[in-house]
Amino acid sequence: MEDSIEVILQDYGGDLHTNRTNPVLSACTGALLAGLYGVWRLFTMPGFRKIPRSLKVPYLPSSKQQTLNTMKLLEGRTGRLADLGSGDGRLVFAASSAGFQCTGFEINSILVAYTRSKALWTGVPSGRATFVKKDFWKTDLSSYDNVTAFLAPGVMEVLGEKLLKELPDDARVIACRFPFPDWPHRSSVGSGLDQTFSYDIGTVRSHLRNVS
């Protein structure tokens, strides 16, 4: 996404340098683009300095279909749910309405403030949906029965190692768009960018023991 913004700035930058007939319009256009880029960085980058470069994942909201797919894969499940990188909270709100006790982990203070305000405004009980400004990489997730994640392909292997160390055998993990490498998925829903995968930790552990 950052590359796209930079390309836009470059494209408009070329026009700005050549457009000498309307300097006011050029200046306003440049200011607008710079402002949009600043807002984007404000929402995606806070907290990144605290996380190693290899584990950084910019904010990208899940689609409505991804959320629906995730909820379908959680049917019949109960208990505590951790959403890793909860963003604007849409998955946490959906899961809490289905009876899960949800915790959304998010390092972006602006998004945390937004989701907390939305939960308060819509009357969601704190016991159903909690949003914490906390690095899930440094958090023990062993008390959660369900984990959901929409991150990036480059971190899925490392995340898988963490979850295998911490989660109980009866835990279920849902991965949006990007599957865990070498993990046998229990089922999947959707296709393309909206495809979502479910994994049962006990099954994954047994499979990895058999292939090692």
Protein backbone atom coordinates (compact mmCIF):
# COMPACT_ATOMS: atom_id res chain seq x y z
CA MET A 1 0.00 0.00 0.00
CA GLU A 2 2.86 2.36 0.79
CA ASP A 3 4.29 1.74 -2.68
CA SER A 4 0.95 2.70 -4.22
CA ILE A 5 0.85 6.00 -2.34
CA GLU A 6 4.41 6.75 -3.35
CA VAL A 7 3.61 6.00 -6.99
CA ILE A 8 0.69 8.42 -6.84
CA LEU A 9 2.92 11.08 -5.37
CA GLN A 10 5.49 10.49 -8.09
CA ASP A 11 2.86 10.61 -10.83
CA TYR A 12 1.38 13.83 -9.57
CA GLY A 13 4.85 15.14 -8.85
CA GLY A 14 5.67 14.98 -12.55
CA ASP A 15 2.58 16.98 -13.39
CA LEU A 16 3.31 19.51 -10.69
CA HIS A 17 6.73 20.28 -12.07
CA THR A 18 5.43 20.78 -15.61
CA ASN A 19 2.22 22.60 -14.83
CA ARG A 20 3.32 26.24 -14.73
CA THR A 21 0.02 27.72 -15.90
CA ASN A 22 -1.81 27.05 -12.65
CA PRO A 23 0.59 27.11 -9.68
CA VAL A 24 -2.23 27.46 -7.12
CA LEU A 25 -3.92 24.28 -8.31
CA SER A 26 -0.58 22.49 -8.35
CA ALA A 27 0.21 23.55 -4.80
CA CYS A 28 -3.22 22.50 -3.54
CA THR A 29 -2.93 19.11 -5.24
CA GLY A 30 0.48 18.52 -3.72
CA ALA A 31 -0.74 19.50 -0.26
CA LEU A 32 -3.74 17.18 -0.57
CA LEU A 33 -1.61 14.21 -1.59
CA ALA A 34 0.89 14.88 1.17
CA GLY A 35 -1.97 15.08 3.66
CA LEU A 36 -3.46 11.79 2.49
CA TYR A 37 -0.06 10.12 2.76
CA GLY A 38 0.35 11.50 6.28
CA VAL A 39 -3.07 10.21 7.35
CA TRP A 40 -2.28 6.78 5.92
CA ARG A 41 0.98 6.60 7.85
CA LEU A 42 -0.78 7.82 10.99
CA PHE A 43 -3.19 4.88 10.88
CA THR A 44 -0.81 2.15 9.79
CA MET A 45 2.54 2.91 11.39
CA PRO A 46 2.09 3.77 15.12
CA GLY A 47 3.80 1.17 17.32
CA PHE A 48 5.90 -0.31 14.51
CA ARG A 49 9.14 0.87 16.11
CA LYS A 50 8.52 -1.59 18.96
CA ILE A 51 8.30 -4.62 16.67
CA PRO A 52 11.17 -6.25 14.74
CA ARG A 53 11.14 -5.38 11.05
CA SER A 54 10.55 -8.99 10.03
CA LEU A 55 7.28 -9.12 11.99
CA LYS A 56 5.79 -5.80 10.94
CA VAL A 57 2.39 -5.98 9.25
CA PRO A 58 0.60 -2.78 8.15
CA TYR A 59 -3.09 -2.33 8.87
CA LEU A 60 -5.33 -3.76 6.17
CA PRO A 61 -9.02 -4.19 7.07
CA SER A 62 -10.63 -7.52 6.37
CA SER A 63 -13.50 -7.58 3.91
CA LYS A 64 -17.08 -8.32 4.88
CA GLN A 65 -16.82 -11.68 3.14
CA GLN A 66 -13.65 -12.59 5.05
CA THR A 67 -15.43 -11.86 8.30
CA LEU A 68 -18.41 -13.99 7.26
CA ASN A 69 -16.07 -16.80 6.21
CA THR A 70 -14.27 -16.66 9.55
CA MET A 71 -17.51 -16.84 11.49
CA LYS A 72 -18.60 -19.85 9.43
CA LEU A 73 -15.39 -21.66 10.35
CA LEU A 74 -16.01 -20.85 14.02
CA GLU A 75 -19.50 -22.37 14.04
CA GLY A 76 -19.97 -24.74 16.96
CA ARG A 77 -17.04 -23.22 18.86
CA THR A 78 -17.19 -21.39 22.19
CA GLY A 79 -14.82 -19.85 24.71
CA ARG A 80 -12.15 -17.20 24.50
CA LEU A 81 -11.00 -15.76 21.18
CA ALA A 82 -7.91 -13.71 20.39
CA ASP A 83 -7.87 -11.61 17.23
CA LEU A 84 -4.25 -10.85 16.35
CA GLY A 85 -4.06 -7.37 14.86
CA SER A 86 -7.70 -6.45 15.42
CA GLY A 87 -7.62 -3.23 13.37
CA ASP A 88 -11.06 -1.61 13.25
CA GLY A 89 -12.52 -4.45 15.33
CA ARG A 90 -15.02 -5.82 12.83
CA LEU A 91 -14.09 -9.45 13.50
CA VAL A 92 -14.11 -8.98 17.26
CA PHE A 93 -17.56 -7.41 17.13
CA ALA A 94 -18.87 -10.22 14.93
CA ALA A 95 -17.43 -12.93 17.17
CA SER A 96 -18.63 -11.26 20.37
CA SER A 97 -22.17 -11.15 18.99
CA ALA A 98 -21.88 -14.92 18.46
CA GLY A 99 -21.07 -15.44 22.15
CA PHE A 100 -17.28 -15.51 22.18
CA GLN A 101 -15.26 -13.72 24.84
CA CYS A 102 -12.99 -11.72 22.56
CA THR A 103 -9.73 -9.87 22.97
CA GLY A 104 -8.46 -7.75 20.11
CA PHE A 105 -4.70 -7.20 20.11
CA GLU A 106 -3.64 -4.03 18.31
CA ILE A 107 -0.54 -1.82 18.57
CA ASN A 108 -2.05 1.17 16.77
CA SER A 109 -3.32 3.49 19.50
CA ILE A 110 -5.70 5.28 17.11
CA LEU A 111 -7.40 2.03 16.13
CA VAL A 112 -7.55 0.90 19.76
CA ALA A 113 -9.24 4.17 20.74
CA TYR A 114 -11.68 3.82 17.84
CA THR A 115 -12.68 0.24 18.68
CA ARG A 116 -13.05 0.98 22.38
CA SER A 117 -15.26 3.96 21.58
CA LYS A 118 -17.35 1.90 19.18
CA ALA A 119 -17.78 -0.85 21.76
CA LEU A 120 -18.90 1.70 24.34
CA TRP A 121 -21.21 3.48 21.88
CA THR A 122 -22.87 0.26 20.70
CA GLY A 123 -23.18 -1.16 24.21
CA VAL A 124 -21.00 -4.23 23.76
CA PRO A 125 -20.19 -5.60 27.25
CA SER A 126 -16.50 -5.49 28.14
CA GLY A 127 -16.68 -9.18 29.01
CA ARG A 128 -17.52 -9.91 25.37
CA ALA A 129 -15.15 -7.56 23.56
CA THR A 130 -11.94 -6.11 24.93
CA PHE A 131 -9.39 -4.17 22.91
CA VAL A 132 -5.84 -3.94 24.23
CA LYS A 133 -2.87 -1.96 22.97
CA LYS A 134 -0.47 -4.82 23.27
CA ASP A 135 2.06 -6.67 21.11
CA PHE A 136 0.65 -10.18 20.67
CA TRP A 137 4.12 -11.45 19.72
CA LYS A 138 5.13 -10.88 23.33
CA THR A 139 1.88 -12.20 24.83
CA ASP A 140 1.22 -15.72 26.09
CA LEU A 141 -1.85 -16.95 24.20
CA SER A 142 -2.23 -20.26 26.04
CA SER A 143 -5.52 -19.24 27.67
CA TYR A 144 -7.34 -18.81 24.35
CA ASP A 145 -9.50 -21.49 22.74
CA ASN A 146 -9.67 -19.73 19.37
CA VAL A 147 -7.26 -17.48 17.49
CA THR A 148 -7.93 -15.46 14.34
CA ALA A 149 -5.32 -13.72 12.22
CA PHE A 150 -5.24 -11.68 9.02
CA LEU A 151 -1.57 -10.78 8.80
CA ALA A 152 0.95 -11.28 5.98
CA PRO A 153 2.54 -14.33 4.34
CA GLY A 154 6.01 -13.41 5.59
CA VAL A 155 5.06 -13.84 9.26
CA MET A 156 2.85 -16.94 9.10
CA GLU A 157 5.64 -19.44 9.69
CA VAL A 158 6.88 -17.57 12.76
CA LEU A 159 3.32 -17.17 14.04
CA GLY A 160 2.74 -20.88 13.56
CA GLU A 161 5.76 -21.70 15.74
CA LYS A 162 4.45 -19.43 18.48
CA LEU A 163 0.94 -20.88 18.39
CA LEU A 164 2.20 -24.47 18.46
CA LYS A 165 4.21 -23.68 21.58
CA GLU A 166 1.37 -21.96 23.43
CA LEU A 167 -2.09 -23.13 22.38
CA PRO A 168 -3.84 -26.21 23.80
CA ASP A 169 -4.63 -29.18 21.55
CA ASP A 170 -8.32 -28.31 21.34
CA ALA A 171 -7.68 -24.76 20.12
CA ARG A 172 -8.73 -23.66 16.65
CA VAL A 173 -6.85 -21.15 14.52
CA ILE A 174 -8.41 -19.22 11.66
CA ALA A 175 -6.16 -17.63 9.03
CA CYS A 176 -7.58 -15.13 6.56
CA ARG A 177 -6.17 -15.10 3.02
CA PHE A 178 -2.70 -16.38 3.93
CA PRO A 179 -2.44 -20.01 5.13
CA PHE A 180 0.17 -21.46 7.45
CA PRO A 181 2.93 -23.21 5.49
CA ASP A 182 3.12 -26.98 6.12
CA TRP A 183 -0.03 -26.99 8.27
CA PRO A 184 -2.90 -29.27 7.16
CA HIS A 185 -6.05 -27.20 7.30
CA ARG A 186 -9.25 -28.64 8.68
CA SER A 187 -11.38 -26.79 6.16
CA SER A 188 -11.52 -23.62 4.13
CA VAL A 189 -14.23 -21.26 2.94
CA GLY A 190 -14.23 -18.84 0.02
CA SER A 191 -11.71 -18.31 -2.72
CA GLY A 192 -9.11 -15.84 -3.89
CA LEU A 193 -8.50 -12.88 -1.59
CA ASP A 194 -11.39 -13.86 0.67
CA GLN A 195 -10.35 -17.49 1.24
CA THR A 196 -10.16 -18.38 4.91
CA PHE A 197 -8.57 -21.47 6.51
CA SER A 198 -9.22 -23.25 9.80
CA TYR A 199 -6.75 -25.41 11.72
CA ASP A 200 -7.12 -27.61 14.79
CA ILE A 201 -3.92 -27.41 16.82
CA GLY A 202 -4.03 -31.04 17.97
CA THR A 203 -4.30 -32.26 14.37
CA VAL A 204 -1.49 -29.96 13.25
CA ARG A 205 0.81 -31.24 16.01
CA SER A 206 0.09 -34.88 15.11
CA HIS A 207 0.74 -34.21 11.43
CA LEU A 208 4.04 -32.45 12.07
CA ARG A 209 5.21 -35.26 14.37
CA ASN A 210 4.45 -37.84 11.69
CA VAL A 211 6.34 -36.00 8.94
CA SER A 212 9.38 -35.15 11.06
